[in-house]
């Protein structure tokens, strides 16, 4: 048993066809976890789709209505950059429900995963960059509304800056945002996060981990969140098609350990979303995501031993 829950639904696949975003990876991650004996079927829980009431905590009603009815205009479809379908819409509503559930479960167990989500380019009134609904923001708003958390931190380690996250929480002192990303990459316009770590091309493990550690540990000391939303993108990987950083598989796993360890040491629970990952070989992307689950298991188990 993992010691925490993995939120997954077979309909997480966005059914994008021949697209650089391999949304079949959600199923492949689940299959690998089971095949390697890292998880059992009992470790998985299925979410319900997020309700309109939940999604409207972040998004404008017009955007959600157009998304659900298939009435996006040409510019909205271009900005979204993925094919529109009913299955895609169902997938993003399920992913958002999954992030709400994972956030709740993290408060119970210390760590939880949504094996989808991390759609950090979504804005209140439109989608961008493969992201139609900002599942992480909706989850945090829902837990705040329910009185389960007061203060949250988003730690975004995708190779692309979390522009939607930065915009949504730009004037909110209850949510602290950190984004570490390749500067010379999408999006071209980067609204300021509370902390943005702009990395030059080809940044490798050592520099990445040092800069992340310095900023993240200080932010945890100062802000003291109840919950950390970890956007655990696989795309800082050195062989990613949409990235230009040079992290190795081991460097990415060390990144994961750092995020989990520091949060738990500061008394914060962690819920994880998988976000991006576009390696030439999709098995590499799956390995990176599976390694994040391994890191969570290892760090949480050690943390529980120290506290016992």
Protein backbone atom coordinates (compact mmCIF):
# COMPACT_ATOMS: atom_id res chain seq x y z
CA UNK A 1 0.00 0.00 0.00
CA UNK A 2 1.23 3.46 -0.85
CA UNK A 3 -0.01 5.17 2.28
CA UNK A 4 -1.94 7.75 0.26
CA UNK A 5 -4.53 7.83 -2.50
CA UNK A 6 -4.21 8.18 -6.27
CA UNK A 7 -7.18 9.85 -7.93
CA UNK A 8 -7.82 8.50 -11.42
CA UNK A 9 -10.62 8.07 -13.93
CA UNK A 10 -10.51 6.15 -17.23
CA UNK A 11 -12.03 9.20 -18.94
CA UNK A 12 -9.08 11.44 -18.04
CA UNK A 13 -7.85 10.89 -21.60
CA UNK A 14 -8.62 14.05 -23.60
CA UNK A 15 -8.72 12.04 -26.87
CA UNK A 16 -6.48 14.43 -28.75
CA UNK A 17 -5.45 12.06 -31.53
CA UNK A 18 -2.04 12.68 -33.11
CA UNK A 19 -1.03 15.53 -30.80
CA UNK A 20 2.18 16.42 -28.96
CA UNK A 21 0.26 16.22 -25.67
CA UNK A 22 0.09 12.46 -24.91
CA UNK A 23 -3.07 12.41 -22.81
CA UNK A 24 -3.00 8.62 -22.83
CA UNK A 25 -0.21 9.03 -20.28
CA UNK A 26 -2.72 9.06 -17.43
CA UNK A 27 -3.74 5.48 -18.20
CA UNK A 28 -0.11 4.48 -18.79
CA UNK A 29 0.97 5.86 -15.41
CA UNK A 30 -1.75 3.87 -13.67
CA UNK A 31 -0.79 0.72 -15.56
CA UNK A 32 2.91 1.14 -14.70
CA UNK A 33 2.19 1.71 -11.01
CA UNK A 34 0.16 -1.50 -10.91
CA UNK A 35 2.61 -3.51 -13.03
CA UNK A 36 5.58 -2.56 -10.84
CA UNK A 37 3.69 -3.31 -7.65
CA UNK A 38 3.98 0.26 -6.44
CA UNK A 39 0.21 0.52 -6.09
CA UNK A 40 -2.73 -1.83 -5.78
CA UNK A 41 -6.26 -1.27 -7.10
CA UNK A 42 -7.25 -0.22 -3.58
CA UNK A 43 -4.91 2.78 -3.81
CA UNK A 44 -7.01 4.34 -6.59
CA UNK A 45 -10.18 6.36 -6.13
CA UNK A 46 -12.43 7.77 -8.85
CA UNK A 47 -13.56 11.39 -8.86
CA UNK A 48 -16.86 12.88 -9.93
CA UNK A 49 -16.74 15.71 -12.47
CA UNK A 50 -16.47 19.15 -10.92
CA UNK A 51 -19.83 20.89 -10.69
CA UNK A 52 -20.58 24.18 -12.39
CA UNK A 53 -20.76 25.70 -8.91
CA UNK A 54 -17.19 24.57 -8.23
CA UNK A 55 -15.79 25.77 -11.54
CA UNK A 56 -17.49 29.15 -11.23
CA UNK A 57 -15.44 29.81 -8.10
CA UNK A 58 -12.66 30.66 -10.58
CA UNK A 59 -14.09 30.92 -14.10
CA UNK A 60 -16.53 33.27 -15.78
CA UNK A 61 -19.91 31.75 -16.60
CA UNK A 62 -19.69 32.71 -20.27
CA UNK A 63 -16.47 30.75 -20.76
CA UNK A 64 -17.88 27.66 -19.06
CA UNK A 65 -21.11 27.86 -21.05
CA UNK A 66 -19.25 28.15 -24.36
CA UNK A 67 -16.94 25.32 -23.37
CA UNK A 68 -19.79 22.98 -22.44
CA UNK A 69 -21.94 23.79 -25.48
CA UNK A 70 -19.18 23.74 -28.08
CA UNK A 71 -19.68 27.37 -29.08
CA UNK A 72 -16.08 28.58 -28.77
CA UNK A 73 -15.11 31.07 -31.43
CA UNK A 74 -12.15 30.64 -33.77
CA UNK A 75 -9.74 32.67 -31.63
CA UNK A 76 -10.69 30.73 -28.49
CA UNK A 77 -10.03 27.45 -30.26
CA UNK A 78 -6.68 28.69 -31.56
CA UNK A 79 -5.61 29.80 -28.10
CA UNK A 80 -6.63 26.48 -26.57
CA UNK A 81 -4.36 24.59 -29.01
CA UNK A 82 -6.13 21.23 -28.64
CA UNK A 83 -9.00 19.75 -30.66
CA UNK A 84 -12.43 20.46 -29.20
CA UNK A 85 -14.64 17.48 -28.36
CA UNK A 86 -17.23 16.48 -25.78
CA UNK A 87 -14.75 13.90 -24.48
CA UNK A 88 -12.16 16.64 -23.95
CA UNK A 89 -14.65 18.71 -21.97
CA UNK A 90 -15.64 15.72 -19.84
CA UNK A 91 -11.96 14.99 -19.22
CA UNK A 92 -11.19 18.48 -17.91
CA UNK A 93 -14.25 18.53 -15.67
CA UNK A 94 -13.21 15.13 -14.31
CA UNK A 95 -9.63 16.35 -13.83
CA UNK A 96 -10.95 19.31 -11.87
CA UNK A 97 -13.10 17.06 -9.70
CA UNK A 98 -9.99 14.93 -9.27
CA UNK A 99 -7.94 17.85 -8.00
CA UNK A 100 -10.66 18.80 -5.51
CA UNK A 101 -10.71 15.21 -4.26
CA UNK A 102 -6.92 14.91 -4.14
CA UNK A 103 -6.65 18.15 -2.18
CA UNK A 104 -9.15 16.84 0.39
CA UNK A 105 -7.38 13.49 0.64
CA UNK A 106 -4.01 15.18 1.11
CA UNK A 107 -5.33 16.89 4.23
CA UNK A 108 -6.16 13.43 5.61
CA UNK A 109 -3.00 11.52 4.63
CA UNK A 110 -0.34 14.20 4.13
CA UNK A 111 0.03 13.49 0.41
CA UNK A 112 -2.37 12.67 -2.44
CA UNK A 113 -2.13 12.58 -6.23
CA UNK A 114 -4.44 13.50 -9.03
CA UNK A 115 -3.14 11.52 -12.01
CA UNK A 116 -4.25 14.36 -14.30
CA UNK A 117 -4.60 18.10 -13.87
CA UNK A 118 -2.13 20.90 -13.49
CA UNK A 119 -3.85 22.91 -16.23
CA UNK A 120 -2.09 26.08 -15.20
CA UNK A 121 -2.53 28.13 -18.39
CA UNK A 122 -6.31 28.45 -18.01
CA UNK A 123 -7.63 31.94 -17.24
CA UNK A 124 -11.03 32.87 -15.79
CA UNK A 125 -12.45 33.82 -19.20
CA UNK A 126 -10.52 31.62 -21.64
CA UNK A 127 -8.24 28.64 -22.08
CA UNK A 128 -4.66 28.58 -23.34
CA UNK A 129 -1.89 26.12 -24.03
CA UNK A 130 -3.85 22.83 -23.73
CA UNK A 131 -5.61 24.10 -20.56
CA UNK A 132 -9.37 24.77 -20.49
CA UNK A 133 -10.16 24.80 -16.75
CA UNK A 134 -7.72 25.70 -13.98
CA UNK A 135 -8.27 22.62 -11.83
CA UNK A 136 -5.73 23.61 -9.17
CA UNK A 137 -7.27 27.03 -8.61
CA UNK A 138 -10.76 25.53 -8.45
CA UNK A 139 -9.59 22.97 -5.88
CA UNK A 140 -8.01 25.61 -3.66
CA UNK A 141 -11.06 27.87 -3.86
CA UNK A 142 -13.36 24.96 -3.02
CA UNK A 143 -11.34 23.94 0.04
CA UNK A 144 -11.16 27.55 1.20
CA UNK A 145 -14.90 27.94 0.73
CA UNK A 146 -15.50 24.79 2.77
CA UNK A 147 -13.28 26.08 5.58
CA UNK A 148 -10.77 23.24 5.21
CA UNK A 149 -7.77 25.48 4.53
CA UNK A 150 -6.94 29.14 4.94
CA UNK A 151 -3.57 29.49 3.23
CA UNK A 152 -2.26 27.59 0.22
CA UNK A 153 0.89 27.60 -1.86
CA UNK A 154 1.19 26.62 -5.53
CA UNK A 155 4.63 25.26 -6.39
CA UNK A 156 4.76 25.03 -10.17
CA UNK A 157 7.69 23.03 -11.55
CA UNK A 158 6.41 22.69 -15.11
CA UNK A 159 8.89 23.93 -17.73
CA UNK A 160 6.35 26.62 -18.70
CA UNK A 161 5.43 29.49 -16.41
CA UNK A 162 2.05 29.17 -14.72
CA UNK A 163 0.54 32.30 -16.24
CA UNK A 164 -3.07 31.41 -15.42
CA UNK A 165 -2.13 30.67 -11.83
CA UNK A 166 -0.28 33.97 -11.47
CA UNK A 167 -3.21 35.92 -12.90
CA UNK A 168 -5.93 34.22 -10.86
CA UNK A 169 -4.16 34.68 -7.53
CA UNK A 170 -2.47 38.02 -8.34
CA UNK A 171 -4.20 39.97 -5.57
CA UNK A 172 -4.90 37.17 -3.11
CA UNK A 173 -2.78 37.15 0.05
CA UNK A 174 -4.16 33.73 1.01
CA UNK A 175 -2.48 31.93 -1.92
CA UNK A 176 1.27 32.15 -2.54
CA UNK A 177 2.50 31.26 -6.03
CA UNK A 178 5.95 30.02 -7.07
CA UNK A 179 6.87 29.14 -10.64
CA UNK A 180 10.26 27.80 -11.73
CA UNK A 181 10.44 27.57 -15.51
CA UNK A 182 12.44 28.14 -18.66
CA UNK A 183 12.26 31.85 -19.39
CA UNK A 184 12.68 31.58 -23.16
CA UNK A 185 9.58 29.48 -23.64
CA UNK A 186 5.78 29.63 -23.67
CA UNK A 187 3.94 31.75 -22.60
CA UNK A 188 5.39 34.88 -24.13
CA UNK A 189 3.55 37.08 -21.62
CA UNK A 190 4.23 35.99 -18.06
CA UNK A 191 2.09 37.68 -15.39
CA UNK A 192 4.16 37.86 -12.21
CA UNK A 193 3.85 35.08 -9.65
CA UNK A 194 4.80 35.86 -6.05
CA UNK A 195 8.10 34.22 -6.95
CA UNK A 196 9.18 33.59 -10.53
CA UNK A 197 12.45 31.74 -11.09
CA UNK A 198 13.30 32.46 -14.73
CA UNK A 199 15.80 29.84 -15.89
CA UNK A 200 18.10 30.15 -18.90
CA UNK A 201 18.06 27.50 -21.61
CA UNK A 202 19.81 24.21 -20.79
CA UNK A 203 19.74 24.72 -17.01
CA UNK A 204 20.72 21.42 -15.39
CA UNK A 205 20.07 19.55 -12.16
CA UNK A 206 22.44 21.31 -9.80
CA UNK A 207 21.50 24.90 -10.58
CA UNK A 208 17.79 24.06 -10.80
CA UNK A 209 17.69 22.34 -7.42
CA UNK A 210 19.72 25.05 -5.71
CA UNK A 211 17.48 27.87 -6.97
CA UNK A 212 14.28 25.97 -6.18
CA UNK A 213 15.46 25.06 -2.69
CA UNK A 214 16.44 28.62 -1.78
CA UNK A 215 13.18 30.18 -2.91
CA UNK A 216 10.84 27.42 -1.76
CA UNK A 217 12.25 26.96 1.74
CA UNK A 218 12.19 30.69 2.44
CA UNK A 219 8.63 30.96 1.15
CA UNK A 220 7.52 28.08 3.40
CA UNK A 221 9.21 29.70 6.39
CA UNK A 222 7.53 33.02 5.74
CA UNK A 223 4.09 31.96 4.46
CA UNK A 224 3.31 28.73 6.37
CA UNK A 225 0.63 27.27 4.09
CA UNK A 226 -1.86 24.63 5.17
CA UNK A 227 -1.64 22.96 1.77
CA UNK A 228 0.88 22.87 -1.08
CA UNK A 229 -0.42 22.30 -4.61
CA UNK A 230 2.51 20.74 -6.46
CA UNK A 231 2.32 21.11 -10.24
CA UNK A 232 4.80 18.35 -11.05
CA UNK A 233 5.46 18.80 -14.75
CA UNK A 234 7.66 16.20 -16.42
CA UNK A 235 8.74 18.65 -19.12
CA UNK A 236 11.93 20.10 -17.56
CA UNK A 237 13.39 16.76 -18.73
CA UNK A 238 16.38 17.03 -21.03
CA UNK A 239 14.63 15.11 -23.86
CA UNK A 240 11.29 16.92 -23.75
CA UNK A 241 9.97 18.19 -27.08
CA UNK A 242 8.42 21.38 -25.68
CA UNK A 243 11.12 22.17 -23.14
CA UNK A 244 14.65 23.49 -23.26
CA UNK A 245 15.99 22.63 -19.81
CA UNK A 246 18.41 19.78 -19.09
CA UNK A 247 17.17 17.96 -16.02
CA UNK A 248 17.92 14.25 -15.78
CA UNK A 249 15.56 11.58 -14.48
CA UNK A 250 17.39 11.57 -11.15
CA UNK A 251 17.38 15.36 -10.99
CA UNK A 252 13.62 15.40 -11.46
CA UNK A 253 13.14 12.82 -8.73
CA UNK A 254 15.33 14.90 -6.41
CA UNK A 255 13.11 17.89 -7.23
CA UNK A 256 10.11 15.83 -6.16
CA UNK A 257 11.75 14.77 -2.91
CA UNK A 258 12.57 18.39 -2.13
CA UNK A 259 8.99 19.57 -2.65
CA UNK A 260 7.49 16.79 -0.51
CA UNK A 261 10.09 16.91 2.26
CA UNK A 262 10.04 20.65 2.79
CA UNK A 263 6.25 20.88 2.79
CA UNK A 264 5.80 18.05 5.29
CA UNK A 265 8.56 19.44 7.51
CA UNK A 266 6.64 22.74 7.59
CA UNK A 267 3.36 21.07 8.52
CA UNK A 268 1.73 21.39 5.08
CA UNK A 269 -0.02 18.63 3.18
CA UNK A 270 0.78 18.18 -0.52
CA UNK A 271 -1.49 17.35 -3.42
CA UNK A 272 0.07 16.65 -6.78
CA UNK A 273 -1.07 17.20 -10.35
CA UNK A 274 0.94 15.81 -13.27
CA UNK A 275 0.83 18.82 -15.65
CA UNK A 276 3.03 18.71 -18.76
CA UNK A 277 5.30 16.06 -20.23
CA UNK A 278 6.18 15.71 -23.92
CA UNK A 279 9.25 13.49 -24.12
CA UNK A 280 10.14 12.05 -27.50
CA UNK A 281 9.55 8.63 -25.93
CA UNK A 282 6.30 8.71 -23.96
CA UNK A 283 7.71 5.99 -21.69
CA UNK A 284 10.15 8.60 -20.35
CA UNK A 285 7.26 10.89 -19.43
CA UNK A 286 5.52 7.98 -17.70
CA UNK A 287 8.72 7.12 -15.82
CA UNK A 288 9.06 10.71 -14.56
CA UNK A 289 5.47 10.74 -13.28
CA UNK A 290 5.86 7.30 -11.66
CA UNK A 291 9.07 8.53 -10.00
CA UNK A 292 7.09 11.42 -8.49
CA UNK A 293 4.76 8.87 -6.89
CA UNK A 294 7.79 6.92 -5.63
CA UNK A 295 9.29 10.08 -4.16
CA UNK A 296 6.03 10.90 -2.39
CA UNK A 297 5.86 7.41 -0.94
CA UNK A 298 9.47 7.44 0.26
CA UNK A 299 9.33 10.89 1.82
CA UNK A 300 5.94 10.38 3.48
CA UNK A 301 6.96 7.00 4.94
CA UNK A 302 10.14 8.49 6.40
CA UNK A 303 8.20 11.47 7.75
CA UNK A 304 5.74 9.19 9.52
CA UNK A 305 8.58 7.18 11.08
CA UNK A 306 10.20 10.34 12.42
CA UNK A 307 6.90 11.47 13.96
CA UNK A 308 6.08 8.10 15.56
